[in-house]
């Protein structure tokens, strides 16, 4: 997934997609500077089903 480079509002943000969910990170929403966050590519993803969330969703 990639934002258009013509949309200046998307600069400085990152989105991670897992299935149909998109997790977005922006510096304005976090206490630490954005560049200190990491996504560990070698981490094993975990699945958890939430029956009461959005009428049933796995995350």
N, C-alpha and C. Protein backbone atom coordinates (compact mmCIF):
# COMPACT_ATOMS: atom_id res chain seq x y z
N UNK A 1 0.85 -1.15 0.00
CA UNK A 1 0.00 0.00 0.00
C UNK A 1 0.90 1.22 0.00
N UNK A 2 0.51 2.22 -0.76
CA UNK A 2 1.32 3.42 -0.87
C UNK A 2 0.40 4.62 -1.09
N UNK A 3 0.70 5.72 -0.41
CA UNK A 3 -0.06 6.95 -0.63
C UNK A 3 0.46 7.65 -1.88
N UNK A 4 -0.40 8.43 -2.48
CA UNK A 4 0.02 9.21 -3.65
C UNK A 4 1.00 10.29 -3.22
N UNK A 5 2.07 10.47 -3.97
CA UNK A 5 3.03 11.51 -3.64
C UNK A 5 2.50 12.90 -3.99
N UNK A 6 1.32 12.97 -4.58
CA UNK A 6 0.68 14.26 -4.87
C UNK A 6 -0.16 14.76 -3.70
N UNK A 7 -0.30 13.96 -2.65
CA UNK A 7 -1.10 14.35 -1.48
C UNK A 7 -0.15 14.75 -0.36
N UNK A 8 0.04 16.06 -0.18
CA UNK A 8 1.01 16.53 0.81
C UNK A 8 0.62 16.15 2.23
N UNK A 9 -0.67 15.95 2.51
CA UNK A 9 -1.12 15.58 3.86
C UNK A 9 -0.63 14.20 4.26
N UNK A 10 -0.21 13.36 3.31
CA UNK A 10 0.25 12.01 3.65
C UNK A 10 1.74 11.97 3.99
N UNK A 11 2.46 13.07 3.80
CA UNK A 11 3.89 13.10 4.15
C UNK A 11 4.06 12.97 5.66
N UNK A 12 5.05 12.20 6.09
CA UNK A 12 5.32 12.03 7.51
C UNK A 12 4.43 11.01 8.18
N UNK A 13 3.71 10.22 7.42
CA UNK A 13 2.83 9.20 7.99
C UNK A 13 3.15 7.84 7.41
N UNK A 14 2.74 6.81 8.13
CA UNK A 14 2.94 5.43 7.68
C UNK A 14 1.67 4.67 7.95
N UNK A 15 1.32 3.77 7.05
CA UNK A 15 0.18 2.89 7.26
C UNK A 15 0.64 1.46 7.06
N UNK A 16 0.17 0.58 7.92
CA UNK A 16 0.47 -0.84 7.83
C UNK A 16 -0.85 -1.56 7.61
N UNK A 17 -0.93 -2.38 6.57
CA UNK A 17 -2.14 -3.10 6.27
C UNK A 17 -1.98 -4.56 6.64
N UNK A 18 -2.99 -5.09 7.34
CA UNK A 18 -3.05 -6.52 7.65
C UNK A 18 -4.46 -6.97 7.33
N UNK A 19 -4.62 -7.67 6.24
CA UNK A 19 -5.96 -8.04 5.80
C UNK A 19 -6.72 -6.80 5.39
N UNK A 20 -7.93 -6.65 5.88
CA UNK A 20 -8.74 -5.49 5.52
C UNK A 20 -8.54 -4.30 6.46
N UNK A 21 -7.74 -4.48 7.52
CA UNK A 21 -7.50 -3.39 8.46
C UNK A 21 -6.26 -2.60 8.07
N UNK A 22 -6.33 -1.30 8.26
CA UNK A 22 -5.20 -0.42 7.99
C UNK A 22 -4.89 0.34 9.28
N UNK A 23 -3.67 0.21 9.75
CA UNK A 23 -3.21 0.91 10.95
C UNK A 23 -2.37 2.10 10.50
N UNK A 24 -2.74 3.30 10.93
CA UNK A 24 -2.03 4.50 10.51
C UNK A 24 -1.30 5.13 11.68
N UNK A 25 -0.13 5.68 11.40
CA UNK A 25 0.68 6.33 12.43
C UNK A 25 1.04 7.73 11.94
N UNK A 26 0.84 8.70 12.80
CA UNK A 26 1.23 10.07 12.49
C UNK A 26 1.98 10.64 13.67
N UNK A 27 2.93 11.52 13.41
CA UNK A 27 3.69 12.13 14.50
C UNK A 27 2.80 12.89 15.47
N UNK A 28 1.76 13.53 14.97
CA UNK A 28 0.89 14.34 15.82
C UNK A 28 0.16 13.50 16.87
N UNK A 29 0.00 12.21 16.61
CA UNK A 29 -0.74 11.31 17.51
C UNK A 29 0.14 10.59 18.52
N UNK A 30 1.44 10.80 18.49
CA UNK A 30 2.35 10.03 19.32
C UNK A 30 3.24 10.94 20.16
N UNK A 31 3.59 10.46 21.34
CA UNK A 31 4.46 11.23 22.23
C UNK A 31 5.90 11.27 21.72
N UNK A 32 6.37 10.15 21.16
CA UNK A 32 7.74 10.07 20.66
C UNK A 32 7.82 10.59 19.23
N UNK A 33 8.99 11.01 18.79
CA UNK A 33 9.14 11.34 17.37
C UNK A 33 8.86 10.11 16.51
N UNK A 34 8.26 10.33 15.37
CA UNK A 34 7.84 9.24 14.49
C UNK A 34 8.98 8.29 14.13
N UNK A 35 10.15 8.80 13.89
CA UNK A 35 11.27 7.96 13.43
C UNK A 35 11.75 6.98 14.48
N UNK A 36 11.30 7.09 15.74
CA UNK A 36 11.73 6.14 16.78
C UNK A 36 10.86 4.88 16.80
N UNK A 37 9.74 4.85 16.07
CA UNK A 37 8.88 3.67 16.01
C UNK A 37 9.43 2.67 15.00
N UNK A 38 9.23 1.38 15.28
CA UNK A 38 9.72 0.34 14.40
C UNK A 38 8.65 -0.74 14.20
N UNK A 39 8.63 -1.30 13.02
CA UNK A 39 7.82 -2.48 12.74
C UNK A 39 8.80 -3.62 12.56
N UNK A 40 8.72 -4.60 13.43
CA UNK A 40 9.65 -5.73 13.38
C UNK A 40 9.16 -6.72 12.32
N UNK A 41 9.85 -6.76 11.22
CA UNK A 41 9.44 -7.60 10.10
C UNK A 41 9.54 -9.09 10.42
N UNK A 42 10.42 -9.48 11.33
CA UNK A 42 10.60 -10.90 11.67
C UNK A 42 9.61 -11.36 12.74
N UNK A 43 8.82 -10.46 13.28
CA UNK A 43 7.87 -10.83 14.34
C UNK A 43 6.78 -11.73 13.77
N UNK A 44 6.35 -12.68 14.57
CA UNK A 44 5.27 -13.57 14.18
C UNK A 44 3.94 -12.88 14.48
N UNK A 45 3.10 -12.68 13.45
CA UNK A 45 1.82 -12.02 13.70
C UNK A 45 0.91 -12.92 14.54
N UNK A 46 0.09 -12.29 15.35
CA UNK A 46 -0.86 -13.02 16.19
C UNK A 46 -2.27 -12.63 15.76
N UNK A 47 -3.17 -13.59 15.76
CA UNK A 47 -4.55 -13.36 15.37
C UNK A 47 -5.44 -13.51 16.59
N UNK A 48 -6.36 -12.56 16.76
CA UNK A 48 -7.30 -12.61 17.87
C UNK A 48 -8.67 -12.18 17.34
N UNK A 49 -9.69 -12.97 17.57
CA UNK A 49 -11.04 -12.65 17.10
C UNK A 49 -11.80 -11.91 18.19
N UNK A 50 -12.38 -10.77 17.84
CA UNK A 50 -13.17 -9.96 18.77
C UNK A 50 -14.62 -10.00 18.31
N UNK A 51 -15.46 -10.80 18.94
CA UNK A 51 -16.85 -10.97 18.51
C UNK A 51 -17.67 -9.69 18.68
N UNK A 52 -17.36 -8.86 19.66
CA UNK A 52 -18.14 -7.65 19.94
C UNK A 52 -17.58 -6.40 19.28
N UNK A 53 -16.53 -6.51 18.52
CA UNK A 53 -15.92 -5.37 17.86
C UNK A 53 -16.36 -5.34 16.39
N UNK A 54 -17.03 -4.27 15.98
CA UNK A 54 -17.47 -4.11 14.58
C UNK A 54 -18.26 -5.32 14.08
N UNK A 55 -19.11 -5.86 14.93
CA UNK A 55 -19.93 -7.04 14.61
C UNK A 55 -19.09 -8.27 14.27
N UNK A 56 -17.92 -8.37 14.89
CA UNK A 56 -17.04 -9.52 14.71
C UNK A 56 -15.90 -9.20 13.76
N UNK A 57 -14.70 -9.20 14.32
CA UNK A 57 -13.53 -8.88 13.50
C UNK A 57 -12.30 -9.58 14.09
N UNK A 58 -11.42 -10.00 13.24
CA UNK A 58 -10.15 -10.57 13.68
C UNK A 58 -9.07 -9.51 13.55
N UNK A 59 -8.21 -9.45 14.52
CA UNK A 59 -7.10 -8.49 14.44
C UNK A 59 -5.83 -9.12 14.92
